[in-house]
PDB file of N, CA and C in Angstrom:
ATOM      1  N   MET A   1     -15.788  18.778  10.580  1.00  0.00           N
ATOM      2  CA  MET A   1     -15.240  18.792   9.243  1.00  0.00           C
ATOM      3  C   MET A   1     -13.707  18.795   9.312  1.00  0.00           C
ATOM      4  N   ALA A   2     -13.133  19.464  10.268  1.00  0.00           N
ATOM      5  CA  ALA A   2     -11.683  19.546  10.365  1.00  0.00           C
ATOM      6  C   ALA A   2     -11.069  18.164  10.616  1.00  0.00           C
ATOM      7  N   SER A   3     -11.772  17.297  11.298  1.00  0.00           N
ATOM      8  CA  SER A   3     -11.254  15.953  11.571  1.00  0.00           C
ATOM      9  C   SER A   3     -11.150  15.096  10.291  1.00  0.00           C
ATOM     10  N   SER A   4     -11.821  15.481   9.251  1.00  0.00           N
ATOM     11  CA  SER A   4     -11.793  14.711   8.015  1.00  0.00           C
ATOM     12  C   SER A   4     -10.607  15.116   7.118  1.00  0.00           C
ATOM     13  N   ILE A   5      -9.914  16.185   7.502  1.00  0.00           N
ATOM     14  CA  ILE A   5      -8.755  16.629   6.706  1.00  0.00           C
ATOM     15  C   ILE A   5      -7.555  15.765   7.086  1.00  0.00           C
ATOM     16  N   PRO A   6      -6.907  15.164   6.104  1.00  0.00           N
ATOM     17  CA  PRO A   6      -5.738  14.301   6.395  1.00  0.00           C
ATOM     18  C   PRO A   6      -4.567  15.115   6.944  1.00  0.00           C
ATOM     19  N   SER A   7      -3.696  14.406   7.660  1.00  0.00           N
ATOM     20  CA  SER A   7      -2.522  15.048   8.237  1.00  0.00           C
ATOM     21  C   SER A   7      -1.502  15.366   7.132  1.00  0.00           C
ATOM     22  N   LEU A   8      -1.487  16.603   6.678  1.00  0.00           N
ATOM     23  CA  LEU A   8      -0.586  16.995   5.600  1.00  0.00           C
ATOM     24  C   LEU A   8       0.896  16.772   5.917  1.00  0.00           C
ATOM     25  N   PRO A   9       1.365  17.072   7.142  1.00  0.00           N
ATOM     26  CA  PRO A   9       2.759  16.809   7.427  1.00  0.00           C
ATOM     27  C   PRO A   9       3.127  15.310   7.255  1.00  0.00           C
ATOM     28  N   LEU A  10       2.215  14.437   7.633  1.00  0.00           N
ATOM     29  CA  LEU A  10       2.463  12.989   7.454  1.00  0.00           C
ATOM     30  C   LEU A  10       2.613  12.658   5.986  1.00  0.00           C
ATOM     31  N   TYR A  11       1.724  13.154   5.142  1.00  0.00           N
ATOM     32  CA  TYR A  11       1.791  12.877   3.709  1.00  0.00           C
ATOM     33  C   TYR A  11       3.087  13.415   3.133  1.00  0.00           C
ATOM     34  N   LEU A  12       3.510  14.604   3.557  1.00  0.00           N
ATOM     35  CA  LEU A  12       4.726  15.214   3.041  1.00  0.00           C
ATOM     36  C   LEU A  12       5.959  14.495   3.512  1.00  0.00           C
ATOM     37  N   GLU A  13       5.957  14.064   4.791  1.00  0.00           N
ATOM     38  CA  GLU A  13       7.165  13.416   5.332  1.00  0.00           C
ATOM     39  C   GLU A  13       7.447  12.084   4.642  1.00  0.00           C
ATOM     40  N   ILE A  14       6.442  11.299   4.403  1.00  0.00           N
ATOM     41  CA  ILE A  14       6.708   9.993   3.790  1.00  0.00           C
ATOM     42  C   ILE A  14       6.523  10.014   2.280  1.00  0.00           C
ATOM     43  N   GLY A  15       6.170  11.116   1.730  1.00  0.00           N
ATOM     44  CA  GLY A  15       6.042  11.233   0.284  1.00  0.00           C
ATOM     45  C   GLY A  15       4.875  10.461  -0.296  1.00  0.00           C
ATOM     46  N   ALA A  16       3.812  10.362   0.452  1.00  0.00           N
ATOM     47  CA  ALA A  16       2.632   9.625  -0.007  1.00  0.00           C
ATOM     48  C   ALA A  16       1.561  10.610  -0.478  1.00  0.00           C
ATOM     49  N   SER A  17       0.734  10.144  -1.396  1.00  0.00           N
ATOM     50  CA  SER A  17      -0.281  11.042  -1.932  1.00  0.00           C
ATOM     51  C   SER A  17      -1.670  10.759  -1.409  1.00  0.00           C
ATOM     52  N   ASP A  18      -1.882   9.608  -0.789  1.00  0.00           N
ATOM     53  CA  ASP A  18      -3.225   9.322  -0.211  1.00  0.00           C
ATOM     54  C   ASP A  18      -3.138   8.183   0.814  1.00  0.00           C
ATOM     55  N   LYS A  19      -4.260   7.891   1.453  1.00  0.00           N
ATOM     56  CA  LYS A  19      -4.323   6.950   2.536  1.00  0.00           C
ATOM     57  C   LYS A  19      -3.885   5.535   2.122  1.00  0.00           C
ATOM     58  N   THR A  20      -4.267   5.119   0.948  1.00  0.00           N
ATOM     59  CA  THR A  20      -3.912   3.767   0.498  1.00  0.00           C
ATOM     60  C   THR A  20      -2.401   3.634   0.399  1.00  0.00           C
ATOM     61  N   MET A  21      -1.718   4.618  -0.166  1.00  0.00           N
ATOM     62  CA  MET A  21      -0.255   4.568  -0.265  1.00  0.00           C
ATOM     63  C   MET A  21       0.374   4.521   1.137  1.00  0.00           C
ATOM     64  N   ILE A  22      -0.123   5.336   2.059  1.00  0.00           N
ATOM     65  CA  ILE A  22       0.377   5.310   3.428  1.00  0.00           C
ATOM     66  C   ILE A  22       0.171   3.915   4.037  1.00  0.00           C
ATOM     67  N   SER A  23      -0.955   3.314   3.755  1.00  0.00           N
ATOM     68  CA  SER A  23      -1.251   1.974   4.277  1.00  0.00           C
ATOM     69  C   SER A  23      -0.286   0.934   3.756  1.00  0.00           C
ATOM     70  N   PHE A  24       0.044   1.015   2.452  1.00  0.00           N
ATOM     71  CA  PHE A  24       1.024   0.096   1.873  1.00  0.00           C
ATOM     72  C   PHE A  24       2.380   0.262   2.539  1.00  0.00           C
ATOM     73  N   ILE A  25       2.774   1.516   2.771  1.00  0.00           N
ATOM     74  CA  ILE A  25       4.037   1.814   3.455  1.00  0.00           C
ATOM     75  C   ILE A  25       3.982   1.301   4.901  1.00  0.00           C
ATOM     76  N   SER A  26       2.841   1.435   5.540  1.00  0.00           N
ATOM     77  CA  SER A  26       2.696   0.943   6.916  1.00  0.00           C
ATOM     78  C   SER A  26       2.863  -0.552   7.031  1.00  0.00           C
ATOM     79  N   LEU A  27       2.519  -1.259   5.961  1.00  0.00           N
ATOM     80  CA  LEU A  27       2.729  -2.709   5.933  1.00  0.00           C
ATOM     81  C   LEU A  27       4.205  -3.095   5.825  1.00  0.00           C
ATOM     82  N   GLY A  28       5.021  -2.128   5.473  1.00  0.00           N
ATOM     83  CA  GLY A  28       6.457  -2.402   5.351  1.00  0.00           C
ATOM     84  C   GLY A  28       6.961  -2.359   3.937  1.00  0.00           C
ATOM     85  N   LEU A  29       6.108  -1.995   2.992  1.00  0.00           N
ATOM     86  CA  LEU A  29       6.551  -1.898   1.602  1.00  0.00           C
ATOM     87  C   LEU A  29       7.350  -0.635   1.376  1.00  0.00           C
ATOM     88  N   SER A  30       8.266  -0.673   0.425  1.00  0.00           N
ATOM     89  CA  SER A  30       9.033   0.536   0.079  1.00  0.00           C
ATOM     90  C   SER A  30       8.115   1.565  -0.565  1.00  0.00           C
ATOM     91  N   ARG A  31       8.554   2.792  -0.595  1.00  0.00           N
ATOM     92  CA  ARG A  31       7.764   3.849  -1.211  1.00  0.00           C
ATOM     93  C   ARG A  31       7.532   3.586  -2.683  1.00  0.00           C
ATOM     94  N   VAL A  32       8.561   3.065  -3.371  1.00  0.00           N
ATOM     95  CA  VAL A  32       8.445   2.761  -4.818  1.00  0.00           C
ATOM     96  C   VAL A  32       7.346   1.692  -5.026  1.00  0.00           C
ATOM     97  N   THR A  33       7.406   0.627  -4.274  1.00  0.00           N
ATOM     98  CA  THR A  33       6.402  -0.441  -4.417  1.00  0.00           C
ATOM     99  C   THR A  33       5.031   0.078  -4.043  1.00  0.00           C
ATOM    100  N   ALA A  34       4.943   0.820  -2.933  1.00  0.00           N
ATOM    101  CA  ALA A  34       3.673   1.377  -2.497  1.00  0.00           C
ATOM    102  C   ALA A  34       3.085   2.265  -3.605  1.00  0.00           C
ATOM    103  N   MET A  35       3.912   3.064  -4.260  1.00  0.00           N
ATOM    104  CA  MET A  35       3.438   3.965  -5.282  1.00  0.00           C
ATOM    105  C   MET A  35       2.887   3.163  -6.481  1.00  0.00           C
ATOM    106  N   LYS A  36       3.599   2.117  -6.863  1.00  0.00           N
ATOM    107  CA  LYS A  36       3.135   1.299  -8.027  1.00  0.00           C
ATOM    108  C   LYS A  36       1.821   0.625  -7.703  1.00  0.00           C
ATOM    109  N   LEU A  37       1.726   0.051  -6.488  1.00  0.00           N
ATOM    110  CA  LEU A  37       0.482  -0.611  -6.076  1.00  0.00           C
ATOM    111  C   LEU A  37      -0.662   0.389  -5.952  1.00  0.00           C
ATOM    112  N   ASN A  38      -0.366   1.570  -5.445  1.00  0.00           N
ATOM    113  CA  ASN A  38      -1.380   2.591  -5.318  1.00  0.00           C
ATOM    114  C   ASN A  38      -1.950   3.005  -6.652  1.00  0.00           C
ATOM    115  N   GLU A  39      -1.121   3.009  -7.691  1.00  0.00           N
ATOM    116  CA  GLU A  39      -1.594   3.336  -9.034  1.00  0.00           C
ATOM    117  C   GLU A  39      -2.573   2.256  -9.540  1.00  0.00           C
ATOM    118  N   MET A  40      -2.389   1.021  -9.098  1.00  0.00           N
ATOM    119  CA  MET A  40      -3.272  -0.077  -9.522  1.00  0.00           C
ATOM    120  C   MET A  40      -4.553  -0.149  -8.744  1.00  0.00           C
ATOM    121  N   SER A  41      -4.550   0.342  -7.525  1.00  0.00           N
ATOM    122  CA  SER A  41      -5.709   0.224  -6.657  1.00  0.00           C
ATOM    123  C   SER A  41      -6.740   1.279  -7.041  1.00  0.00           C
ATOM    124  N   ALA A  42      -7.988   0.800  -7.187  1.00  0.00           N
ATOM    125  CA  ALA A  42      -9.076   1.707  -7.541  1.00  0.00           C
ATOM    126  C   ALA A  42      -9.465   2.581  -6.358  1.00  0.00           C
ATOM    127  N   ARG A  43      -9.277   2.047  -5.148  1.00  0.00           N
ATOM    128  CA  ARG A  43      -9.646   2.765  -3.933  1.00  0.00           C
ATOM    129  C   ARG A  43      -8.416   3.484  -3.371  1.00  0.00           C
ATOM    130  N   LYS A  44      -8.590   4.727  -2.988  1.00  0.00           N
ATOM    131  CA  LYS A  44      -7.501   5.502  -2.440  1.00  0.00           C
ATOM    132  C   LYS A  44      -7.689   5.825  -0.966  1.00  0.00           C
ATOM    133  N   ASP A  45      -8.630   5.063  -0.312  1.00  0.00           N
ATOM    134  CA  ASP A  45      -8.907   5.309   1.080  1.00  0.00           C
ATOM    135  C   ASP A  45      -8.733   4.069   1.935  1.00  0.00           C
ATOM    136  N   LEU A  46      -7.965   3.080   1.457  1.00  0.00           N
ATOM    137  CA  LEU A  46      -7.786   1.840   2.191  1.00  0.00           C
ATOM    138  C   LEU A  46      -6.965   2.051   3.461  1.00  0.00           C
ATOM    139  N   ASP A  47      -7.427   1.481   4.581  1.00  0.00           N
ATOM    140  CA  ASP A  47      -6.610   1.480   5.768  1.00  0.00           C
ATOM    141  C   ASP A  47      -5.626   0.313   5.685  1.00  0.00           C
ATOM    142  N   THR A  48      -4.789   0.123   6.687  1.00  0.00           N
ATOM    143  CA  THR A  48      -3.751  -0.908   6.599  1.00  0.00           C
ATOM    144  C   THR A  48      -4.337  -2.316   6.422  1.00  0.00           C
ATOM    145  N   PRO A  49      -5.337  -2.728   7.215  1.00  0.00           N
ATOM    146  CA  PRO A  49      -5.898  -4.070   6.984  1.00  0.00           C
ATOM    147  C   PRO A  49      -6.529  -4.180   5.586  1.00  0.00           C
ATOM    148  N   GLY A  50      -7.165  -3.114   5.134  1.00  0.00           N
ATOM    149  CA  GLY A  50      -7.745  -3.113   3.773  1.00  0.00           C
ATOM    150  C   GLY A  50      -6.710  -3.252   2.676  1.00  0.00           C
ATOM    151  N   ALA A  51      -5.585  -2.590   2.866  1.00  0.00           N
ATOM    152  CA  ALA A  51      -4.510  -2.685   1.889  1.00  0.00           C
ATOM    153  C   ALA A  51      -3.923  -4.092   1.866  1.00  0.00           C
ATOM    154  N   LEU A  52      -3.790  -4.685   3.043  1.00  0.00           N
ATOM    155  CA  LEU A  52      -3.271  -6.071   3.072  1.00  0.00           C
ATOM    156  C   LEU A  52      -4.264  -7.028   2.422  1.00  0.00           C
ATOM    157  N   GLN A  53      -5.516  -6.837   2.698  1.00  0.00           N
ATOM    158  CA  GLN A  53      -6.559  -7.673   2.062  1.00  0.00           C
ATOM    159  C   GLN A  53      -6.524  -7.493   0.556  1.00  0.00           C
ATOM    160  N   TRP A  54      -6.355  -6.266   0.089  1.00  0.00           N
ATOM    161  CA  TRP A  54      -6.260  -6.017  -1.364  1.00  0.00           C
ATOM    162  C   TRP A  54      -5.095  -6.805  -1.947  1.00  0.00           C
ATOM    163  N   LEU A  55      -3.946  -6.778  -1.269  1.00  0.00           N
ATOM    164  CA  LEU A  55      -2.773  -7.537  -1.755  1.00  0.00           C
ATOM    165  C   LEU A  55      -3.040  -9.025  -1.797  1.00  0.00           C
ATOM    166  N   ARG A  56      -3.683  -9.524  -0.761  1.00  0.00           N
ATOM    167  CA  ARG A  56      -3.887 -10.963  -0.647  1.00  0.00           C
ATOM    168  C   ARG A  56      -4.959 -11.492  -1.597  1.00  0.00           C
ATOM    169  N   THR A  57      -5.718 -10.617  -2.182  1.00  0.00           N
ATOM    170  CA  THR A  57      -6.759 -11.066  -3.118  1.00  0.00           C
ATOM    171  C   THR A  57      -6.384 -10.837  -4.588  1.00  0.00           C
ATOM    172  N   ARG A  58      -5.139 -10.449  -4.837  1.00  0.00           N
ATOM    173  CA  ARG A  58      -4.677 -10.205  -6.202  1.00  0.00           C
ATOM    174  C   ARG A  58      -3.755 -11.355  -6.625  1.00  0.00           C
ATOM    175  N   PRO A  59      -3.828 -11.744  -7.914  1.00  0.00           N
ATOM    176  CA  PRO A  59      -2.802 -12.682  -8.411  1.00  0.00           C
ATOM    177  C   PRO A  59      -1.492 -11.860  -8.565  1.00  0.00           C
ATOM    178  N   LEU A  60      -0.581 -12.026  -7.653  1.00  0.00           N
ATOM    179  CA  LEU A  60       0.574 -11.173  -7.581  1.00  0.00           C
ATOM    180  C   LEU A  60       1.385 -11.125  -8.874  1.00  0.00           C
ATOM    181  N   GLU A  61       1.511 -12.252  -9.542  1.00  0.00           N
ATOM    182  CA  GLU A  61       2.286 -12.315 -10.792  1.00  0.00           C
ATOM    183  C   GLU A  61       1.652 -11.430 -11.898  1.00  0.00           C
ATOM    184  N   ALA A  62       0.347 -11.199 -11.777  1.00  0.00           N
ATOM    185  CA  ALA A  62      -0.356 -10.423 -12.804  1.00  0.00           C
ATOM    186  C   ALA A  62      -0.225  -8.896 -12.583  1.00  0.00           C
ATOM    187  N   LEU A  63       0.471  -8.501 -11.508  1.00  0.00           N
ATOM    188  CA  LEU A  63       0.562  -7.067 -11.221  1.00  0.00           C
ATOM    189  C   LEU A  63       1.576  -6.360 -12.126  1.00  0.00           C
ATOM    190  N   GLY A  64       2.399  -7.132 -12.796  1.00  0.00           N
ATOM    191  CA  GLY A  64       3.368  -6.529 -13.690  1.00  0.00           C
ATOM    192  C   GLY A  64       4.533  -5.854 -13.025  1.00  0.00           C
ATOM    193  N   LEU A  65       4.861  -6.275 -11.811  1.00  0.00           N
ATOM    194  CA  LEU A  65       5.990  -5.722 -11.057  1.00  0.00           C
ATOM    195  C   LEU A  65       7.271  -6.422 -11.403  1.00  0.00           C
ATOM    196  N   SER A  66       8.389  -5.724 -11.217  1.00  0.00           N
ATOM    197  CA  SER A  66       9.696  -6.338 -11.421  1.00  0.00           C
ATOM    198  C   SER A  66       9.888  -7.461 -10.421  1.00  0.00           C
ATOM    199  N   PRO A  67      10.774  -8.400 -10.700  1.00  0.00           N
ATOM    200  CA  PRO A  67      10.971  -9.526  -9.753  1.00  0.00           C
ATOM    201  C   PRO A  67      11.313  -9.068  -8.341  1.00  0.00           C
ATOM    202  N   LEU A  68      12.112  -7.987  -8.204  1.00  0.00           N
ATOM    203  CA  LEU A  68      12.481  -7.476  -6.895  1.00  0.00           C
ATOM    204  C   LEU A  68      11.247  -6.932  -6.134  1.00  0.00           C
ATOM    205  N   LEU A  69      10.446  -6.143  -6.833  1.00  0.00           N
ATOM    206  CA  LEU A  69       9.245  -5.593  -6.171  1.00  0.00           C
ATOM    207  C   LEU A  69       8.213  -6.694  -5.903  1.00  0.00           C
ATOM    208  N   LEU A  70       8.123  -7.642  -6.767  1.00  0.00           N
ATOM    209  CA  LEU A  70       7.209  -8.767  -6.591  1.00  0.00           C
ATOM    210  C   LEU A  70       7.605  -9.561  -5.342  1.00  0.00           C
ATOM    211  N   ALA A  71       8.904  -9.797  -5.168  1.00  0.00           N
ATOM    212  CA  ALA A  71       9.378 -10.499  -3.976  1.00  0.00           C
ATOM    213  C   ALA A  71       9.002  -9.742  -2.696  1.00  0.00           C
ATOM    214  N   GLU A  72       9.149  -8.418  -2.759  1.00  0.00           N
ATOM    215  CA  GLU A  72       8.802  -7.566  -1.611  1.00  0.00           C
ATOM    216  C   GLU A  72       7.290  -7.685  -1.280  1.00  0.00           C
ATOM    217  N   VAL A  73       6.467  -7.635  -2.298  1.00  0.00           N
ATOM    218  CA  VAL A  73       5.022  -7.753  -2.083  1.00  0.00           C
ATOM    219  C   VAL A  73       4.665  -9.126  -1.576  1.00  0.00           C
ATOM    220  N   ARG A  74       5.261 -10.162  -2.146  1.00  0.00           N
ATOM    221  CA  ARG A  74       4.972 -11.529  -1.717  1.00  0.00           C
ATOM    222  C   ARG A  74       5.322 -11.726  -0.238  1.00  0.00           C
ATOM    223  N   GLU A  75       6.465 -11.196   0.161  1.00  0.00           N
ATOM    224  CA  GLU A  75       6.905 -11.284   1.573  1.00  0.00           C
ATOM    225  C   GLU A  75       5.891 -10.652   2.490  1.00  0.00           C
ATOM    226  N   ILE A  76       5.449  -9.454   2.164  1.00  0.00           N
ATOM    227  CA  ILE A  76       4.478  -8.735   2.996  1.00  0.00           C
ATOM    228  C   ILE A  76       3.125  -9.429   3.018  1.00  0.00           C
ATOM    229  N   ALA A  77       2.684  -9.877   1.854  1.00  0.00           N
ATOM    230  CA  ALA A  77       1.346 -10.498   1.750  1.00  0.00           C
ATOM    231  C   ALA A  77       1.254 -11.804   2.519  1.00  0.00           C
ATOM    232  N   THR A  78       2.413 -12.485   2.679  1.00  0.00           N
ATOM    233  CA  THR A  78       2.368 -13.778   3.350  1.00  0.00           C
ATOM    234  C   THR A  78       2.779 -13.741   4.825  1.00  0.00           C
ATOM    235  N   THR A  79       3.405 -12.622   5.261  1.00  0.00           N
ATOM    236  CA  THR A  79       3.871 -12.613   6.635  1.00  0.00           C
ATOM    237  C   THR A  79       3.326 -11.490   7.512  1.00  0.00           C
ATOM    238  N   SER A  80       2.557 -10.559   6.942  1.00  0.00           N
ATOM    239  CA  SER A  80       2.053  -9.416   7.709  1.00  0.00           C
ATOM    240  C   SER A  80       0.878  -9.851   8.579  1.00  0.00           C
ATOM    241  N   LEU A  81       0.215  -8.851   9.108  1.00  0.00           N
ATOM    242  CA  LEU A  81      -0.907  -9.083   9.999  1.00  0.00           C
ATOM    243  C   LEU A  81      -1.843 -10.159   9.495  1.00  0.00           C
ATOM    244  N   PRO A  82      -2.402 -10.957  10.367  1.00  0.00           N
ATOM    245  CA  PRO A  82      -3.343 -11.982   9.921  1.00  0.00           C
ATOM    246  C   PRO A  82      -4.546 -11.358   9.252  1.00  0.00           C
ATOM    247  N   ASN A  83      -5.149 -12.128   8.382  1.00  0.00           N
ATOM    248  CA  ASN A  83      -6.308 -11.661   7.578  1.00  0.00           C
ATOM    249  C   ASN A  83      -7.527 -11.474   8.434  1.00  0.00           C
TER     250      ASN A  83
END
């Protein structure tokens, strides 16, 4: 049971509230962008490949992000780890 408890120091250090947000940050997204995407994601347990897949299957323009954040997401979605 103890192994299922997330690393609280990690969450505190990067200012993330769940695994999906940490995964977005791991992809190279800023904390602000990761937080906005995390709010949109129904799942809060995505690992890094899952978060990338989530990004790649969304119509990015429909996310309602500012042009600056949208450019950041587009860069990560097209250049990060292969699908």
